Amino acid sequence: MNAVLVGLVVVAMAGGGLKELNQSQPERDVLSGRVIYSTICIRCHGADGKGEGPMKFTPPVADLTSPAIQGKLDARLFKSVHDGKPNTAMGAWRESLSDDEIWDALAYVRTLAPEHTGGMGSGLR
């Protein structure tokens, strides 16, 4: 318990503040995300997100419907899109897409999760 309290104090003193920890994220536009996905991501990840787009790569592109992807935290997925993934075909999109556009595309990607996960993946929001 003391370690948690000390950790929170350190975060607050480091400028992170507790206020920021409690802020909710804005709602994301899934429809806008679908347009972005259909315009950009579909080329590699395919219409269904399974990585079966018309372009083929080694290593293969990620299956966005897989538990391995759907189980990742939103922030981790954002970083992968924003900064790219070394030694893969996944380039950085930070120069082409705004942060809000990336978040909207990720909101759409969450809808690609298999039905048994309720269409929202298992990652934390």
N, C-alpha and C. Protein backbone atom coordinates (compact mmCIF):
# COMPACT_ATOMS: atom_id res chain seq x y z
N MET A 1 0.82 -1.19 0.00
CA MET A 1 0.00 0.00 0.00
C MET A 1 0.87 1.25 0.00
N ASN A 2 1.91 1.27 0.83
CA ASN A 2 2.81 2.42 0.89
C ASN A 2 3.52 2.63 -0.45
N ALA A 3 3.89 1.52 -1.10
CA ALA A 3 4.58 1.64 -2.39
C ALA A 3 3.66 2.29 -3.43
N VAL A 4 2.37 1.94 -3.41
CA VAL A 4 1.42 2.54 -4.35
C VAL A 4 1.28 4.03 -4.08
N LEU A 5 1.16 4.40 -2.81
CA LEU A 5 1.04 5.80 -2.44
C LEU A 5 2.28 6.58 -2.86
N VAL A 6 3.44 6.03 -2.62
CA VAL A 6 4.68 6.68 -3.02
C VAL A 6 4.72 6.83 -4.54
N GLY A 7 4.30 5.81 -5.26
CA GLY A 7 4.27 5.87 -6.71
C GLY A 7 3.36 6.97 -7.22
N LEU A 8 2.19 7.12 -6.61
CA LEU A 8 1.26 8.17 -7.01
C LEU A 8 1.83 9.55 -6.72
N VAL A 9 2.49 9.69 -5.60
CA VAL A 9 3.11 10.97 -5.26
C VAL A 9 4.21 11.30 -6.26
N VAL A 10 5.01 10.31 -6.64
CA VAL A 10 6.07 10.53 -7.61
C VAL A 10 5.48 10.97 -8.95
N VAL A 11 4.41 10.32 -9.39
CA VAL A 11 3.76 10.70 -10.64
C VAL A 11 3.25 12.13 -10.56
N ALA A 12 2.61 12.47 -9.46
CA ALA A 12 2.07 13.82 -9.29
C ALA A 12 3.18 14.86 -9.28
N MET A 13 4.29 14.55 -8.63
CA MET A 13 5.40 15.50 -8.53
C MET A 13 6.15 15.61 -9.85
N ALA A 14 6.08 14.58 -10.67
CA ALA A 14 6.81 14.59 -11.94
C ALA A 14 6.07 15.40 -13.01
N GLY A 15 4.98 16.00 -12.65
CA GLY A 15 4.24 16.81 -13.60
C GLY A 15 3.11 16.05 -14.26
N GLY A 16 3.03 14.74 -14.02
CA GLY A 16 1.94 13.96 -14.60
C GLY A 16 0.62 14.31 -13.95
N GLY A 17 0.66 14.53 -12.66
CA GLY A 17 -0.54 14.92 -11.92
C GLY A 17 -1.59 13.83 -11.89
N LEU A 18 -2.31 13.75 -10.81
CA LEU A 18 -3.38 12.78 -10.69
C LEU A 18 -4.56 13.16 -11.57
N LYS A 19 -4.72 14.42 -11.83
CA LYS A 19 -5.82 14.88 -12.66
C LYS A 19 -5.77 14.20 -14.03
N GLU A 20 -4.57 14.10 -14.62
CA GLU A 20 -4.44 13.49 -15.93
C GLU A 20 -4.77 12.01 -15.90
N LEU A 21 -4.49 11.34 -14.79
CA LEU A 21 -4.78 9.92 -14.69
C LEU A 21 -6.28 9.65 -14.74
N ASN A 22 -7.07 10.60 -14.31
CA ASN A 22 -8.51 10.41 -14.23
C ASN A 22 -9.25 10.94 -15.45
N GLN A 23 -8.57 11.60 -16.37
CA GLN A 23 -9.24 12.14 -17.54
C GLN A 23 -9.68 11.02 -18.45
N SER A 24 -10.92 11.10 -18.92
CA SER A 24 -11.39 10.08 -19.85
C SER A 24 -10.96 10.48 -21.26
N GLN A 25 -10.78 9.47 -22.08
CA GLN A 25 -10.40 9.70 -23.46
C GLN A 25 -11.63 10.13 -24.25
N PRO A 26 -11.45 10.99 -25.24
CA PRO A 26 -12.59 11.40 -26.06
C PRO A 26 -13.13 10.22 -26.85
N GLU A 27 -14.40 10.28 -27.18
CA GLU A 27 -15.00 9.25 -28.02
C GLU A 27 -14.33 9.29 -29.39
N ARG A 28 -14.09 8.15 -29.93
CA ARG A 28 -13.45 8.05 -31.23
C ARG A 28 -14.50 7.80 -32.30
N ASP A 29 -14.23 8.29 -33.50
CA ASP A 29 -15.16 8.20 -34.62
C ASP A 29 -14.86 6.94 -35.43
N VAL A 30 -15.63 5.90 -35.18
CA VAL A 30 -15.42 4.62 -35.85
C VAL A 30 -15.68 4.75 -37.36
N LEU A 31 -16.65 5.56 -37.74
CA LEU A 31 -16.94 5.72 -39.17
C LEU A 31 -15.79 6.40 -39.90
N SER A 32 -15.22 7.42 -39.29
CA SER A 32 -14.04 8.06 -39.85
C SER A 32 -12.88 7.05 -39.91
N GLY A 33 -12.75 6.27 -38.84
CA GLY A 33 -11.71 5.23 -38.79
C GLY A 33 -11.87 4.22 -39.90
N ARG A 34 -13.12 3.88 -40.23
CA ARG A 34 -13.37 2.92 -41.31
C ARG A 34 -12.92 3.49 -42.66
N VAL A 35 -13.17 4.79 -42.86
CA VAL A 35 -12.74 5.43 -44.10
C VAL A 35 -11.21 5.43 -44.19
N ILE A 36 -10.56 5.76 -43.10
CA ILE A 36 -9.09 5.76 -43.07
C ILE A 36 -8.57 4.35 -43.34
N TYR A 37 -9.15 3.37 -42.65
CA TYR A 37 -8.74 1.97 -42.84
C TYR A 37 -8.92 1.57 -44.31
N SER A 38 -10.09 1.89 -44.88
CA SER A 38 -10.40 1.51 -46.26
C SER A 38 -9.51 2.21 -47.27
N THR A 39 -8.99 3.36 -46.91
CA THR A 39 -8.15 4.13 -47.81
C THR A 39 -6.68 3.73 -47.70
N ILE A 40 -6.23 3.42 -46.49
CA ILE A 40 -4.80 3.22 -46.26
C ILE A 40 -4.46 1.78 -45.83
N CYS A 41 -5.09 1.31 -44.80
CA CYS A 41 -4.70 0.06 -44.15
C CYS A 41 -5.09 -1.19 -44.95
N ILE A 42 -6.17 -1.07 -45.69
CA ILE A 42 -6.72 -2.22 -46.42
C ILE A 42 -5.71 -2.82 -47.40
N ARG A 43 -4.80 -2.00 -47.92
CA ARG A 43 -3.82 -2.48 -48.91
C ARG A 43 -2.97 -3.62 -48.37
N CYS A 44 -2.65 -3.54 -47.09
CA CYS A 44 -1.79 -4.57 -46.49
C CYS A 44 -2.57 -5.52 -45.59
N HIS A 45 -3.51 -4.99 -44.83
CA HIS A 45 -4.21 -5.80 -43.84
C HIS A 45 -5.48 -6.46 -44.40
N GLY A 46 -5.92 -6.05 -45.59
CA GLY A 46 -7.09 -6.65 -46.21
C GLY A 46 -8.39 -6.09 -45.65
N ALA A 47 -9.47 -6.37 -46.36
CA ALA A 47 -10.79 -5.84 -45.99
C ALA A 47 -11.25 -6.33 -44.63
N ASP A 48 -10.89 -7.57 -44.29
CA ASP A 48 -11.34 -8.13 -43.02
C ASP A 48 -10.31 -8.00 -41.90
N GLY A 49 -9.14 -7.41 -42.21
CA GLY A 49 -8.11 -7.18 -41.20
C GLY A 49 -7.23 -8.38 -40.91
N LYS A 50 -7.40 -9.46 -41.65
CA LYS A 50 -6.65 -10.69 -41.36
C LYS A 50 -5.25 -10.71 -41.97
N GLY A 51 -4.84 -9.61 -42.58
CA GLY A 51 -3.50 -9.55 -43.15
C GLY A 51 -3.41 -10.17 -44.53
N GLU A 52 -4.53 -10.28 -45.19
CA GLU A 52 -4.56 -10.91 -46.50
C GLU A 52 -4.87 -9.90 -47.59
N GLY A 53 -4.24 -8.73 -47.50
CA GLY A 53 -4.40 -7.70 -48.52
C GLY A 53 -3.70 -8.09 -49.80
N PRO A 54 -3.87 -7.29 -50.84
CA PRO A 54 -3.26 -7.62 -52.13
C PRO A 54 -1.73 -7.57 -52.12
N MET A 55 -1.14 -6.86 -51.17
CA MET A 55 0.32 -6.77 -51.10
C MET A 55 0.82 -7.82 -50.10
N LYS A 56 1.88 -8.51 -50.46
CA LYS A 56 2.45 -9.56 -49.60
C LYS A 56 3.82 -9.13 -49.09
N PHE A 57 4.09 -9.44 -47.82
CA PHE A 57 5.34 -9.02 -47.19
C PHE A 57 5.95 -10.16 -46.39
N THR A 58 7.26 -10.06 -46.16
CA THR A 58 7.97 -10.95 -45.26
C THR A 58 8.69 -10.09 -44.24
N PRO A 59 8.39 -10.24 -42.96
CA PRO A 59 7.37 -11.12 -42.39
C PRO A 59 5.97 -10.64 -42.75
N PRO A 60 4.99 -11.54 -42.67
CA PRO A 60 3.62 -11.18 -43.02
C PRO A 60 3.11 -10.05 -42.13
N VAL A 61 2.15 -9.30 -42.66
CA VAL A 61 1.55 -8.22 -41.87
C VAL A 61 0.67 -8.81 -40.78
N ALA A 62 0.40 -8.02 -39.78
CA ALA A 62 -0.37 -8.48 -38.62
C ALA A 62 -1.82 -8.79 -39.00
N ASP A 63 -2.33 -9.85 -38.40
CA ASP A 63 -3.75 -10.18 -38.45
C ASP A 63 -4.41 -9.35 -37.35
N LEU A 64 -5.11 -8.29 -37.74
CA LEU A 64 -5.68 -7.36 -36.77
C LEU A 64 -6.86 -7.94 -35.99
N THR A 65 -7.33 -9.11 -36.42
CA THR A 65 -8.43 -9.76 -35.70
C THR A 65 -7.92 -10.73 -34.64
N SER A 66 -6.62 -11.00 -34.64
CA SER A 66 -6.05 -12.01 -33.75
C SER A 66 -6.07 -11.56 -32.29
N PRO A 67 -6.13 -12.53 -31.38
CA PRO A 67 -6.05 -12.20 -29.95
C PRO A 67 -4.75 -11.47 -29.60
N ALA A 68 -3.67 -11.77 -30.33
CA ALA A 68 -2.39 -11.12 -30.05
C ALA A 68 -2.47 -9.61 -30.29
N ILE A 69 -3.22 -9.19 -31.30
CA ILE A 69 -3.38 -7.77 -31.60
C ILE A 69 -4.52 -7.18 -30.79
N GLN A 70 -5.66 -7.84 -30.79
CA GLN A 70 -6.83 -7.31 -30.08
C GLN A 70 -6.60 -7.23 -28.57
N GLY A 71 -5.67 -8.04 -28.07
CA GLY A 71 -5.38 -8.03 -26.64
C GLY A 71 -4.40 -6.94 -26.21
N LYS A 72 -3.83 -6.22 -27.18
CA LYS A 72 -2.88 -5.16 -26.85
C LYS A 72 -3.60 -3.90 -26.37
N LEU A 73 -2.92 -3.17 -25.53
CA LEU A 73 -3.45 -1.90 -25.07
C LEU A 73 -3.55 -0.92 -26.23
N ASP A 74 -4.51 -0.04 -26.17
CA ASP A 74 -4.68 0.96 -27.21
C ASP A 74 -3.40 1.77 -27.43
N ALA A 75 -2.75 2.15 -26.34
CA ALA A 75 -1.53 2.96 -26.45
C ALA A 75 -0.44 2.22 -27.22
N ARG A 76 -0.34 0.92 -27.03
CA ARG A 76 0.66 0.12 -27.73
C ARG A 76 0.35 0.06 -29.23
N LEU A 77 -0.93 -0.12 -29.57
CA LEU A 77 -1.32 -0.13 -30.97
C LEU A 77 -1.08 1.24 -31.61
N PHE A 78 -1.41 2.29 -30.87
CA PHE A 78 -1.17 3.65 -31.36
C PHE A 78 0.30 3.84 -31.70
N LYS A 79 1.16 3.42 -30.80
CA LYS A 79 2.61 3.57 -31.02
C LYS A 79 3.07 2.81 -32.26
N SER A 80 2.52 1.63 -32.47
CA SER A 80 2.89 0.84 -33.65
C SER A 80 2.53 1.55 -34.95
N VAL A 81 1.36 2.19 -34.96
CA VAL A 81 0.92 2.91 -36.16
C VAL A 81 1.68 4.22 -36.28
N HIS A 82 1.80 4.93 -35.20
CA HIS A 82 2.44 6.25 -35.19
C HIS A 82 3.92 6.15 -35.57
N ASP A 83 4.64 5.23 -34.93
CA ASP A 83 6.09 5.14 -35.09
C ASP A 83 6.55 4.04 -36.05
N GLY A 84 5.65 3.15 -36.43
CA GLY A 84 6.02 2.02 -37.27
C GLY A 84 6.62 0.89 -36.44
N LYS A 85 6.90 -0.21 -37.10
CA LYS A 85 7.49 -1.38 -36.43
C LYS A 85 8.77 -1.76 -37.15
N PRO A 86 9.89 -1.72 -36.44
CA PRO A 86 11.17 -2.05 -37.07
C PRO A 86 11.17 -3.47 -37.66
N ASN A 87 11.88 -3.63 -38.74
CA ASN A 87 12.07 -4.93 -39.41
C ASN A 87 10.77 -5.54 -39.93
N THR A 88 9.78 -4.68 -40.20
CA THR A 88 8.53 -5.13 -40.81
C THR A 88 8.15 -4.11 -41.88
N ALA A 89 7.08 -4.40 -42.59
CA ALA A 89 6.57 -3.47 -43.60
C ALA A 89 5.78 -2.33 -42.99
N MET A 90 5.52 -2.38 -41.67
CA MET A 90 4.72 -1.36 -41.01
C MET A 90 5.55 -0.10 -40.80
N GLY A 91 5.31 0.86 -41.69
CA GLY A 91 6.02 2.13 -41.59
C GLY A 91 5.34 3.07 -40.60
N ALA A 92 5.99 4.17 -40.32
CA ALA A 92 5.44 5.19 -39.43
C ALA A 92 4.42 6.03 -40.20
N TRP A 93 3.28 6.25 -39.59
CA TRP A 93 2.22 7.03 -40.23
C TRP A 93 2.08 8.42 -39.61
N ARG A 94 2.98 8.78 -38.71
CA ARG A 94 2.87 10.06 -37.99
C ARG A 94 2.93 11.27 -38.90
N GLU A 95 3.55 11.15 -40.06
CA GLU A 95 3.64 12.28 -40.99
C GLU A 95 2.42 12.37 -41.90
N SER A 96 1.71 11.26 -42.05
CA SER A 96 0.56 11.23 -42.96
C SER A 96 -0.78 11.34 -42.26
N LEU A 97 -0.84 10.87 -41.03
CA LEU A 97 -2.09 10.87 -40.27
C LEU A 97 -1.92 11.66 -38.98
N SER A 98 -2.95 12.39 -38.61
CA SER A 98 -2.93 13.08 -37.32
C SER A 98 -3.13 12.05 -36.21
N ASP A 99 -2.83 12.44 -35.00
CA ASP A 99 -3.06 11.54 -33.87
C ASP A 99 -4.53 11.13 -33.80
N ASP A 100 -5.44 12.08 -34.01
CA ASP A 100 -6.87 11.77 -33.97
C ASP A 100 -7.25 10.78 -35.06
N GLU A 101 -6.67 10.90 -36.24
CA GLU A 101 -6.97 9.96 -37.32
C GLU A 101 -6.47 8.56 -36.97
N ILE A 102 -5.30 8.48 -36.35
CA ILE A 102 -4.79 7.17 -35.92
C ILE A 102 -5.71 6.57 -34.88
N TRP A 103 -6.13 7.36 -33.90
CA TRP A 103 -7.04 6.85 -32.87
C TRP A 103 -8.36 6.38 -33.48
N ASP A 104 -8.89 7.13 -34.46
CA ASP A 104 -10.13 6.73 -35.11
C ASP A 104 -9.95 5.42 -35.87
N ALA A 105 -8.82 5.28 -36.57
CA ALA A 105 -8.55 4.03 -37.30
C ALA A 105 -8.46 2.86 -36.32
N LEU A 106 -7.84 3.09 -35.17
CA LEU A 106 -7.75 2.03 -34.17
C LEU A 106 -9.11 1.69 -33.59
N ALA A 107 -9.98 2.68 -33.46
CA ALA A 107 -11.35 2.39 -32.99
C ALA A 107 -12.04 1.46 -33.98
N TYR A 108 -11.81 1.68 -35.27
CA TYR A 108 -12.38 0.79 -36.27
C TYR A 108 -11.74 -0.60 -36.19
N VAL A 109 -10.43 -0.65 -36.01
CA VAL A 109 -9.74 -1.94 -35.90
C VAL A 109 -10.33 -2.75 -34.75
N ARG A 110 -10.71 -2.12 -33.68
CA ARG A 110 -11.33 -2.84 -32.56
C ARG A 110 -12.63 -3.51 -32.97
N THR A 111 -13.32 -2.98 -33.98
CA THR A 111 -14.58 -3.59 -34.43
C THR A 111 -14.32 -4.86 -35.25
N LEU A 112 -13.08 -5.09 -35.64
CA LEU A 112 -12.73 -6.27 -36.42
C LEU A 112 -12.53 -7.52 -35.55
N ALA A 113 -12.59 -7.34 -34.24
CA ALA A 113 -12.41 -8.47 -33.32
C ALA A 113 -13.49 -9.52 -33.56
N PRO A 114 -13.14 -10.78 -33.38
CA PRO A 114 -14.14 -11.84 -33.52
C PRO A 114 -15.33 -11.60 -32.60
N GLU A 115 -16.47 -12.12 -32.99
CA GLU A 115 -17.71 -11.87 -32.24
C GLU A 115 -17.66 -12.32 -30.78
N HIS A 116 -16.90 -13.37 -30.48
CA HIS A 116 -16.89 -13.86 -29.09
C HIS A 116 -16.26 -12.85 -28.13
N THR A 117 -15.62 -11.81 -28.66
CA THR A 117 -15.08 -10.77 -27.79
C THR A 117 -15.98 -9.55 -27.77
N GLY A 118 -17.15 -9.66 -28.35
CA GLY A 118 -18.08 -8.55 -28.34
C GLY A 118 -17.70 -7.45 -29.32
N GLY A 119 -16.80 -7.75 -30.26
CA GLY A 119 -16.42 -6.76 -31.25
C GLY A 119 -15.52 -5.67 -30.74
N MET A 120 -15.00 -5.81 -29.53
CA MET A 120 -14.18 -4.74 -28.98
C MET A 120 -12.80 -5.21 -28.56
N GLY A 121 -12.44 -6.41 -28.91
CA GLY A 121 -11.11 -6.89 -28.50
C GLY A 121 -11.06 -7.04 -27.01
N SER A 122 -9.88 -7.35 -26.52
CA SER A 122 -9.73 -7.52 -25.07
C SER A 122 -8.76 -6.51 -24.49
N GLY A 123 -8.21 -5.63 -25.31
CA GLY A 123 -7.28 -4.64 -24.82
C GLY A 123 -7.98 -3.56 -24.00
N LEU A 124 -7.25 -2.96 -23.11
CA LEU A 124 -7.81 -1.87 -22.31
C LEU A 124 -7.90 -0.63 -23.14
N ARG A 125 -8.85 0.19 -22.88
CA ARG A 125 -9.04 1.43 -23.63
C ARG A 125 -8.36 2.55 -22.94
